[in-house]
Amino acid sequence: MSGPRLETGGQQWDALSFADEVSRRQQQLEQQGLCAGQIFMFSAPASPATVWTFHAVWAIGAVAMPTPDTMTTAQQVSFERAKAEPVGPDTALRLLTSGTTGTPKVVDLSTTQLNASAEASRERLGCDAT
């Protein structure tokens, strides 16, 4: 494995340093009581910390549920309702639709779906699989 695994703003993380960051975040979440099967709702700005949080949540076996940085009261209610809905056995990511045609809907994505999307993106972009 050569080259950076994550690069942004002039900073780079190779596979080992990336794994260390994920491990640190995983320990923090476990100390906060996050367990497999639970939903972890968190603000998800575009940042390395967000990437590590996603991977840490999935390493625990929990479900990631990203939220906007700021939410209206109605959005908060929608997200809390969505968080309370049952989670399927292979759910890795829970999203809420924008609700442009009515009430926002819950969309659950499995690890299989996320992996297929990543693989399709990798192939389309012509990236090396290593």
N, C-alpha and C. Protein backbone atom coordinates (compact mmCIF):
# COMPACT_ATOMS: atom_id res chain seq x y z
N MET A 1 0.85 -1.18 0.00
CA MET A 1 0.00 0.00 0.00
C MET A 1 0.89 1.23 0.00
N SER A 2 0.92 1.92 -1.11
CA SER A 2 1.72 3.13 -1.19
C SER A 2 0.81 4.33 -1.37
N GLY A 3 1.36 5.48 -1.03
CA GLY A 3 0.61 6.71 -1.22
C GLY A 3 -0.39 6.95 -0.10
N PRO A 4 -0.89 8.18 -0.01
CA PRO A 4 -1.83 8.53 1.05
C PRO A 4 -3.18 7.85 0.87
N ARG A 5 -3.83 7.57 1.95
CA ARG A 5 -5.18 7.01 1.93
C ARG A 5 -6.23 8.11 2.09
N LEU A 6 -5.79 9.24 2.65
CA LEU A 6 -6.67 10.39 2.79
C LEU A 6 -5.79 11.62 2.68
N GLU A 7 -6.25 12.58 1.91
CA GLU A 7 -5.47 13.79 1.70
C GLU A 7 -6.43 14.97 1.61
N THR A 8 -6.15 16.02 2.37
CA THR A 8 -6.97 17.22 2.32
C THR A 8 -6.21 18.38 2.93
N GLY A 9 -6.35 19.54 2.34
CA GLY A 9 -5.76 20.75 2.89
C GLY A 9 -4.26 20.64 3.14
N GLY A 10 -3.55 19.90 2.30
CA GLY A 10 -2.12 19.75 2.48
C GLY A 10 -1.71 18.70 3.50
N GLN A 11 -2.68 18.08 4.16
CA GLN A 11 -2.38 17.00 5.12
C GLN A 11 -2.64 15.66 4.46
N GLN A 12 -1.86 14.66 4.87
CA GLN A 12 -2.02 13.31 4.33
C GLN A 12 -1.99 12.29 5.45
N TRP A 13 -2.76 11.22 5.27
CA TRP A 13 -2.76 10.10 6.20
C TRP A 13 -2.55 8.83 5.39
N ASP A 14 -1.50 8.08 5.74
CA ASP A 14 -1.31 6.78 5.09
C ASP A 14 -2.24 5.78 5.77
N ALA A 15 -2.22 4.55 5.31
CA ALA A 15 -3.15 3.54 5.83
C ALA A 15 -2.99 3.34 7.34
N LEU A 16 -1.75 3.32 7.83
CA LEU A 16 -1.51 3.10 9.25
C LEU A 16 -1.99 4.27 10.10
N SER A 17 -1.67 5.49 9.70
CA SER A 17 -2.11 6.65 10.49
C SER A 17 -3.63 6.83 10.39
N PHE A 18 -4.21 6.47 9.24
CA PHE A 18 -5.67 6.50 9.10
C PHE A 18 -6.30 5.52 10.08
N ALA A 19 -5.77 4.29 10.13
CA ALA A 19 -6.29 3.27 11.05
C ALA A 19 -6.13 3.70 12.51
N ASP A 20 -5.04 4.37 12.83
CA ASP A 20 -4.83 4.87 14.20
C ASP A 20 -5.90 5.90 14.57
N GLU A 21 -6.19 6.81 13.66
CA GLU A 21 -7.23 7.83 13.91
C GLU A 21 -8.60 7.18 14.11
N VAL A 22 -8.91 6.18 13.28
CA VAL A 22 -10.19 5.48 13.42
C VAL A 22 -10.25 4.76 14.76
N SER A 23 -9.16 4.11 15.14
CA SER A 23 -9.11 3.39 16.41
C SER A 23 -9.32 4.33 17.60
N ARG A 24 -8.67 5.49 17.56
CA ARG A 24 -8.85 6.49 18.63
C ARG A 24 -10.31 6.93 18.72
N ARG A 25 -10.92 7.19 17.58
CA ARG A 25 -12.32 7.63 17.56
C ARG A 25 -13.23 6.51 18.05
N GLN A 26 -12.93 5.27 17.65
CA GLN A 26 -13.72 4.12 18.09
C GLN A 26 -13.68 3.99 19.62
N GLN A 27 -12.51 4.13 20.19
CA GLN A 27 -12.38 4.05 21.66
C GLN A 27 -13.21 5.13 22.34
N GLN A 28 -13.18 6.35 21.79
CA GLN A 28 -13.97 7.44 22.35
C GLN A 28 -15.46 7.11 22.33
N LEU A 29 -15.92 6.60 21.19
CA LEU A 29 -17.35 6.28 21.05
C LEU A 29 -17.76 5.13 21.98
N GLU A 30 -16.90 4.14 22.10
CA GLU A 30 -17.21 3.02 23.01
C GLU A 30 -17.23 3.49 24.46
N GLN A 31 -16.34 4.41 24.82
CA GLN A 31 -16.34 4.97 26.18
C GLN A 31 -17.61 5.78 26.44
N GLN A 32 -18.19 6.34 25.37
CA GLN A 32 -19.45 7.08 25.49
C GLN A 32 -20.65 6.14 25.52
N GLY A 33 -20.39 4.83 25.34
CA GLY A 33 -21.46 3.85 25.44
C GLY A 33 -22.06 3.39 24.13
N LEU A 34 -21.46 3.75 22.99
CA LEU A 34 -22.01 3.31 21.70
C LEU A 34 -21.74 1.82 21.52
N CYS A 35 -22.78 1.08 21.17
CA CYS A 35 -22.70 -0.38 20.99
C CYS A 35 -23.23 -0.77 19.61
N ALA A 36 -22.92 -2.00 19.22
CA ALA A 36 -23.40 -2.55 17.96
C ALA A 36 -24.92 -2.45 17.90
N GLY A 37 -25.42 -2.10 16.71
CA GLY A 37 -26.86 -2.03 16.49
C GLY A 37 -27.49 -0.70 16.85
N GLN A 38 -26.78 0.14 17.60
CA GLN A 38 -27.32 1.45 17.96
C GLN A 38 -27.10 2.43 16.81
N ILE A 39 -27.90 3.48 16.80
CA ILE A 39 -27.74 4.54 15.81
C ILE A 39 -26.93 5.66 16.44
N PHE A 40 -25.90 6.11 15.73
CA PHE A 40 -25.09 7.24 16.19
C PHE A 40 -25.36 8.41 15.27
N MET A 41 -26.07 9.40 15.80
CA MET A 41 -26.44 10.59 15.04
C MET A 41 -25.40 11.67 15.30
N PHE A 42 -24.82 12.23 14.22
CA PHE A 42 -23.76 13.21 14.40
C PHE A 42 -23.71 14.19 13.22
N SER A 43 -23.27 15.40 13.52
CA SER A 43 -23.05 16.40 12.48
C SER A 43 -21.87 15.94 11.64
N ALA A 44 -21.99 16.05 10.32
CA ALA A 44 -20.99 15.48 9.43
C ALA A 44 -20.45 16.50 8.43
N PRO A 45 -19.67 17.47 8.91
CA PRO A 45 -19.05 18.40 7.95
C PRO A 45 -17.99 17.67 7.14
N ALA A 46 -17.63 18.22 6.01
CA ALA A 46 -16.60 17.61 5.16
C ALA A 46 -15.25 17.79 5.84
N SER A 47 -14.79 16.74 6.53
CA SER A 47 -13.51 16.82 7.24
C SER A 47 -12.97 15.42 7.47
N PRO A 48 -11.66 15.30 7.71
CA PRO A 48 -11.10 13.99 8.04
C PRO A 48 -11.76 13.38 9.28
N ALA A 49 -12.06 14.21 10.28
CA ALA A 49 -12.68 13.69 11.50
C ALA A 49 -14.02 13.01 11.21
N THR A 50 -14.76 13.52 10.25
CA THR A 50 -16.03 12.90 9.86
C THR A 50 -15.78 11.52 9.24
N VAL A 51 -14.76 11.43 8.38
CA VAL A 51 -14.43 10.15 7.76
C VAL A 51 -14.06 9.13 8.84
N TRP A 52 -13.24 9.54 9.80
CA TRP A 52 -12.85 8.62 10.88
C TRP A 52 -14.06 8.22 11.71
N THR A 53 -14.98 9.15 11.92
CA THR A 53 -16.17 8.84 12.71
C THR A 53 -17.01 7.78 12.00
N PHE A 54 -17.22 7.94 10.70
CA PHE A 54 -17.97 6.91 9.96
C PHE A 54 -17.32 5.54 10.13
N HIS A 55 -16.02 5.45 9.91
CA HIS A 55 -15.33 4.17 10.01
C HIS A 55 -15.35 3.61 11.43
N ALA A 56 -15.24 4.47 12.43
CA ALA A 56 -15.29 4.03 13.83
C ALA A 56 -16.67 3.48 14.19
N VAL A 57 -17.71 4.18 13.75
CA VAL A 57 -19.08 3.72 14.02
C VAL A 57 -19.28 2.33 13.40
N TRP A 58 -18.83 2.17 12.15
CA TRP A 58 -19.00 0.88 11.48
C TRP A 58 -18.14 -0.21 12.11
N ALA A 59 -16.95 0.14 12.62
CA ALA A 59 -16.11 -0.85 13.29
C ALA A 59 -16.79 -1.39 14.55
N ILE A 60 -17.56 -0.54 15.19
CA ILE A 60 -18.31 -0.94 16.39
C ILE A 60 -19.50 -1.81 16.00
N GLY A 61 -19.98 -1.65 14.78
CA GLY A 61 -21.18 -2.36 14.35
C GLY A 61 -22.44 -1.54 14.54
N ALA A 62 -22.25 -0.24 14.73
CA ALA A 62 -23.38 0.67 14.91
C ALA A 62 -23.77 1.25 13.54
N VAL A 63 -24.82 2.05 13.55
CA VAL A 63 -25.35 2.66 12.33
C VAL A 63 -25.03 4.15 12.36
N ALA A 64 -24.40 4.65 11.31
CA ALA A 64 -24.08 6.07 11.20
C ALA A 64 -25.29 6.82 10.67
N MET A 65 -25.62 7.93 11.31
CA MET A 65 -26.73 8.77 10.87
C MET A 65 -26.28 10.22 10.87
N PRO A 66 -25.69 10.68 9.74
CA PRO A 66 -25.21 12.06 9.68
C PRO A 66 -26.37 13.05 9.62
N THR A 67 -26.13 14.21 10.21
CA THR A 67 -27.13 15.28 10.23
C THR A 67 -26.52 16.56 9.67
N PRO A 68 -27.35 17.49 9.24
CA PRO A 68 -26.83 18.80 8.82
C PRO A 68 -26.18 19.51 10.02
N ASP A 69 -25.27 20.44 9.72
CA ASP A 69 -24.61 21.20 10.78
C ASP A 69 -25.62 21.98 11.63
N THR A 70 -26.60 22.58 10.96
CA THR A 70 -27.65 23.30 11.68
C THR A 70 -28.99 22.76 11.21
N MET A 71 -29.93 22.66 12.16
CA MET A 71 -31.24 22.12 11.83
C MET A 71 -32.33 22.99 12.41
N THR A 72 -33.44 23.06 11.68
CA THR A 72 -34.63 23.72 12.21
C THR A 72 -35.26 22.77 13.24
N THR A 73 -36.21 23.28 13.99
CA THR A 73 -36.90 22.44 14.96
C THR A 73 -37.60 21.29 14.25
N ALA A 74 -38.23 21.57 13.10
CA ALA A 74 -38.91 20.51 12.34
C ALA A 74 -37.92 19.44 11.89
N GLN A 75 -36.73 19.85 11.45
CA GLN A 75 -35.72 18.87 11.05
C GLN A 75 -35.27 18.04 12.24
N GLN A 76 -35.08 18.67 13.39
CA GLN A 76 -34.68 17.94 14.60
C GLN A 76 -35.71 16.88 14.96
N VAL A 77 -36.97 17.24 14.86
CA VAL A 77 -38.05 16.28 15.15
C VAL A 77 -38.00 15.12 14.16
N SER A 78 -37.82 15.43 12.88
CA SER A 78 -37.74 14.38 11.85
C SER A 78 -36.57 13.44 12.11
N PHE A 79 -35.41 13.99 12.47
CA PHE A 79 -34.24 13.15 12.73
C PHE A 79 -34.45 12.30 13.98
N GLU A 80 -35.04 12.86 15.02
CA GLU A 80 -35.29 12.08 16.24
C GLU A 80 -36.28 10.94 15.97
N ARG A 81 -37.31 11.21 15.16
CA ARG A 81 -38.25 10.15 14.79
C ARG A 81 -37.55 9.06 13.98
N ALA A 82 -36.70 9.48 13.04
CA ALA A 82 -35.97 8.52 12.21
C ALA A 82 -35.02 7.69 13.06
N LYS A 83 -34.42 8.31 14.05
CA LYS A 83 -33.50 7.58 14.93
C LYS A 83 -34.24 6.51 15.72
N ALA A 84 -35.50 6.76 16.02
CA ALA A 84 -36.28 5.81 16.82
C ALA A 84 -36.82 4.62 16.03
N GLU A 85 -36.79 4.70 14.69
CA GLU A 85 -37.29 3.60 13.88
C GLU A 85 -36.36 2.40 13.97
N PRO A 86 -36.91 1.17 13.86
CA PRO A 86 -36.06 -0.03 13.93
C PRO A 86 -35.03 -0.06 12.81
N VAL A 87 -33.91 -0.70 13.11
CA VAL A 87 -32.80 -0.81 12.17
C VAL A 87 -32.69 -2.25 11.68
N GLY A 88 -32.49 -2.42 10.37
CA GLY A 88 -32.30 -3.75 9.80
C GLY A 88 -30.95 -4.33 10.21
N PRO A 89 -30.78 -5.65 10.07
CA PRO A 89 -29.56 -6.31 10.54
C PRO A 89 -28.29 -5.91 9.80
N ASP A 90 -28.38 -5.46 8.56
CA ASP A 90 -27.19 -5.11 7.79
C ASP A 90 -27.10 -3.61 7.53
N THR A 91 -27.88 -2.82 8.27
CA THR A 91 -27.87 -1.37 8.05
C THR A 91 -26.59 -0.77 8.57
N ALA A 92 -25.94 0.04 7.73
CA ALA A 92 -24.71 0.72 8.12
C ALA A 92 -24.90 2.24 8.14
N LEU A 93 -25.83 2.72 7.32
CA LEU A 93 -26.01 4.16 7.18
C LEU A 93 -27.50 4.47 7.08
N ARG A 94 -27.93 5.43 7.88
CA ARG A 94 -29.33 5.87 7.82
C ARG A 94 -29.33 7.34 7.41
N LEU A 95 -30.08 7.62 6.35
CA LEU A 95 -30.21 8.99 5.84
C LEU A 95 -31.66 9.40 5.87
N LEU A 96 -31.88 10.68 5.83
CA LEU A 96 -33.23 11.22 5.74
C LEU A 96 -33.32 11.99 4.43
N THR A 97 -34.36 11.73 3.63
CA THR A 97 -34.54 12.47 2.38
C THR A 97 -34.84 13.93 2.72
N SER A 98 -34.78 14.78 1.72
CA SER A 98 -35.00 16.21 1.96
C SER A 98 -36.44 16.54 2.28
N GLY A 99 -37.36 15.68 1.90
CA GLY A 99 -38.77 15.95 2.18
C GLY A 99 -39.39 16.97 1.25
N THR A 100 -38.82 17.16 0.07
CA THR A 100 -39.35 18.17 -0.85
C THR A 100 -40.76 17.87 -1.32
N THR A 101 -41.16 16.60 -1.30
CA THR A 101 -42.52 16.25 -1.73
C THR A 101 -43.41 15.90 -0.54
N GLY A 102 -42.99 16.27 0.64
CA GLY A 102 -43.77 15.96 1.83
C GLY A 102 -42.85 15.68 3.01
N THR A 103 -43.25 14.76 3.85
CA THR A 103 -42.47 14.40 5.03
C THR A 103 -41.19 13.68 4.62
N PRO A 104 -40.04 14.06 5.22
CA PRO A 104 -38.80 13.34 4.92
C PRO A 104 -38.93 11.85 5.21
N LYS A 105 -38.31 11.04 4.36
CA LYS A 105 -38.38 9.58 4.50
C LYS A 105 -37.03 9.05 4.95
N VAL A 106 -37.06 7.96 5.72
CA VAL A 106 -35.85 7.28 6.16
C VAL A 106 -35.35 6.39 5.03
N VAL A 107 -34.04 6.46 4.77
CA VAL A 107 -33.39 5.59 3.80
C VAL A 107 -32.26 4.87 4.52
N ASP A 108 -32.36 3.54 4.61
CA ASP A 108 -31.30 2.74 5.21
C ASP A 108 -30.47 2.11 4.11
N LEU A 109 -29.14 2.19 4.25
CA LEU A 109 -28.23 1.57 3.30
C LEU A 109 -27.40 0.52 4.03
N SER A 110 -27.22 -0.62 3.37
CA SER A 110 -26.46 -1.72 3.98
C SER A 110 -24.98 -1.58 3.66
N THR A 111 -24.17 -2.35 4.36
CA THR A 111 -22.73 -2.38 4.06
C THR A 111 -22.52 -2.89 2.64
N THR A 112 -23.33 -3.84 2.20
CA THR A 112 -23.23 -4.36 0.84
C THR A 112 -23.47 -3.25 -0.18
N GLN A 113 -24.49 -2.44 0.04
CA GLN A 113 -24.78 -1.34 -0.88
C GLN A 113 -23.67 -0.29 -0.88
N LEU A 114 -23.15 0.04 0.29
CA LEU A 114 -22.07 1.02 0.38
C LEU A 114 -20.81 0.51 -0.30
N ASN A 115 -20.48 -0.77 -0.10
CA ASN A 115 -19.30 -1.36 -0.74
C ASN A 115 -19.46 -1.38 -2.26
N ALA A 116 -20.66 -1.72 -2.74
CA ALA A 116 -20.90 -1.74 -4.18
C ALA A 116 -20.77 -0.34 -4.77
N SER A 117 -21.26 0.66 -4.06
CA SER A 117 -21.14 2.04 -4.53
C SER A 117 -19.68 2.48 -4.58
N ALA A 118 -18.93 2.13 -3.55
CA ALA A 118 -17.50 2.49 -3.51
C ALA A 118 -16.74 1.80 -4.64
N GLU A 119 -17.05 0.54 -4.87
CA GLU A 119 -16.37 -0.21 -5.94
C GLU A 119 -16.72 0.37 -7.31
N ALA A 120 -17.98 0.71 -7.52
CA ALA A 120 -18.38 1.30 -8.80
C ALA A 120 -17.69 2.66 -9.01
N SER A 121 -17.59 3.44 -7.94
CA SER A 121 -16.91 4.74 -8.04
C SER A 121 -15.43 4.53 -8.34
N ARG A 122 -14.82 3.57 -7.66
CA ARG A 122 -13.41 3.28 -7.90
C ARG A 122 -13.15 2.90 -9.34
N GLU A 123 -14.00 2.02 -9.86
CA GLU A 123 -13.86 1.59 -11.27
C GLU A 123 -14.08 2.77 -12.22
N ARG A 124 -15.08 3.56 -11.98
CA ARG A 124 -15.41 4.70 -12.86
C ARG A 124 -14.28 5.73 -12.88
N LEU A 125 -13.66 5.93 -11.71
CA LEU A 125 -12.58 6.91 -11.60
C LEU A 125 -11.24 6.34 -12.04
N GLY A 126 -11.19 5.02 -12.26
CA GLY A 126 -9.95 4.38 -12.69
C GLY A 126 -8.89 4.30 -11.61
N CYS A 127 -9.35 4.19 -10.36
CA CYS A 127 -8.41 4.12 -9.24
C CYS A 127 -7.92 2.70 -9.02
N ASP A 128 -6.70 2.58 -8.51
CA ASP A 128 -6.13 1.30 -8.15
C ASP A 128 -6.85 0.77 -6.91
N ALA A 129 -7.10 -0.51 -6.85
CA ALA A 129 -7.84 -1.11 -5.74
C ALA A 129 -7.02 -1.25 -4.47
N THR A 130 -5.72 -1.02 -4.52
CA THR A 130 -4.89 -1.22 -3.31
C THR A 130 -4.95 -0.08 -2.36
